[in-house]
Protein backbone atom coordinates (compact mmCIF):
# COMPACT_ATOMS: atom_id res chain seq x y z
CA UNK A 1 4.52 0.38 -11.02
CA UNK A 2 4.03 3.48 -8.92
CA UNK A 3 0.48 4.66 -8.51
CA UNK A 4 -0.79 7.96 -7.22
CA UNK A 5 -3.73 6.50 -5.27
CA UNK A 6 -4.06 3.50 -3.00
CA UNK A 7 -7.01 1.19 -2.40
CA UNK A 8 -9.81 2.70 -0.30
CA UNK A 9 -8.39 6.22 -0.66
CA UNK A 10 -10.98 9.00 -0.90
CA UNK A 11 -10.95 10.87 -4.20
CA UNK A 12 -12.88 13.53 -6.12
CA UNK A 13 -13.72 13.22 -9.82
CA UNK A 14 -12.23 16.13 -11.77
CA UNK A 15 -13.72 15.00 -15.11
CA UNK A 16 -17.05 13.46 -16.08
CA UNK A 17 -16.71 9.71 -16.65
CA UNK A 18 -17.75 8.08 -19.93
CA UNK A 19 -21.47 7.27 -19.38
CA UNK A 20 -21.05 4.04 -21.35
CA UNK A 21 -18.87 2.57 -18.58
CA UNK A 22 -20.88 3.69 -15.53
CA UNK A 23 -22.18 0.72 -13.51
CA UNK A 24 -25.02 1.79 -11.22
CA UNK A 25 -25.12 0.07 -7.85
CA UNK A 26 -28.89 -0.48 -7.48
CA UNK A 27 -30.08 -0.99 -11.05
CA UNK A 28 -32.33 -3.87 -9.98
CA UNK A 29 -34.25 -1.90 -7.34
CA UNK A 30 -37.83 -0.92 -8.15
CA UNK A 31 -37.03 2.62 -6.95
CA UNK A 32 -33.89 2.91 -9.12
CA UNK A 33 -33.35 6.36 -10.57
CA UNK A 34 -30.36 6.96 -12.86
CA UNK A 35 -28.44 9.96 -11.54
CA UNK A 36 -25.78 11.36 -13.87
CA UNK A 37 -22.23 11.02 -12.57
CA UNK A 38 -20.51 14.42 -12.81
CA UNK A 39 -17.17 15.95 -11.99
CA UNK A 40 -16.87 17.06 -8.38
CA UNK A 41 -18.54 13.93 -7.00
CA UNK A 42 -16.74 12.10 -4.21
CA UNK A 43 -15.66 8.51 -4.34
CA UNK A 44 -13.26 5.89 -3.09
CA UNK A 45 -10.71 3.83 -5.03
CA UNK A 46 -11.93 0.26 -5.14
CA UNK A 47 -9.15 -1.45 -7.12
CA UNK A 48 -6.48 -0.77 -9.73
CA UNK A 49 -7.54 -2.33 -13.05
CA UNK A 50 -5.08 -4.20 -15.33
CA UNK A 51 -5.31 -1.43 -17.95
CA UNK A 52 -3.95 1.12 -15.44
CA UNK A 53 -7.28 2.75 -14.64
CA UNK A 54 -8.85 2.95 -11.20
CA UNK A 55 -12.21 1.31 -10.41
CA UNK A 56 -13.90 3.99 -8.28
CA UNK A 57 -16.99 3.78 -6.06
CA UNK A 58 -18.95 7.01 -6.48
CA UNK A 59 -21.08 8.24 -3.56
CA UNK A 60 -24.23 10.33 -3.42
CA UNK A 61 -24.58 13.31 -1.07
CA UNK A 62 -25.57 11.00 1.80
CA UNK A 63 -22.48 8.80 1.42
CA UNK A 64 -24.29 5.83 -0.13
CA UNK A 65 -22.70 3.98 -3.05
CA UNK A 66 -24.28 5.28 -6.22
CA UNK A 67 -22.17 3.76 -8.99
CA UNK A 68 -18.82 2.34 -10.05
CA UNK A 69 -16.72 3.95 -12.79
CA UNK A 70 -13.29 3.31 -14.33
CA UNK A 71 -11.19 6.48 -14.21
CA UNK A 72 -7.69 7.47 -15.30
CA UNK A 73 -5.23 8.71 -12.70
CA UNK A 74 -5.28 12.24 -14.16
CA UNK A 75 -9.10 12.33 -13.83
CA UNK A 76 -8.94 12.06 -10.04
CA UNK A 77 -7.59 14.13 -7.17
CA UNK A 78 -7.13 13.17 -3.52
CA UNK A 79 -9.74 14.40 -1.09
């Protein structure tokens, strides 16, 4: 199976992910604030899922991990 992206490759979201599948990184923190994940945000491919989607770490503007989202290959572009 040929894939467009490799593990740990930097990517940019070109579509908004489904909010139902967003996993926020620090949900248990007392200071947790849910920030909407939007297109244009930067991330890094974490792993290729069995269903063919990519598990992507999404970063905030400071480069901290904000959330994890499953994305299709056509919903991402290389940075």
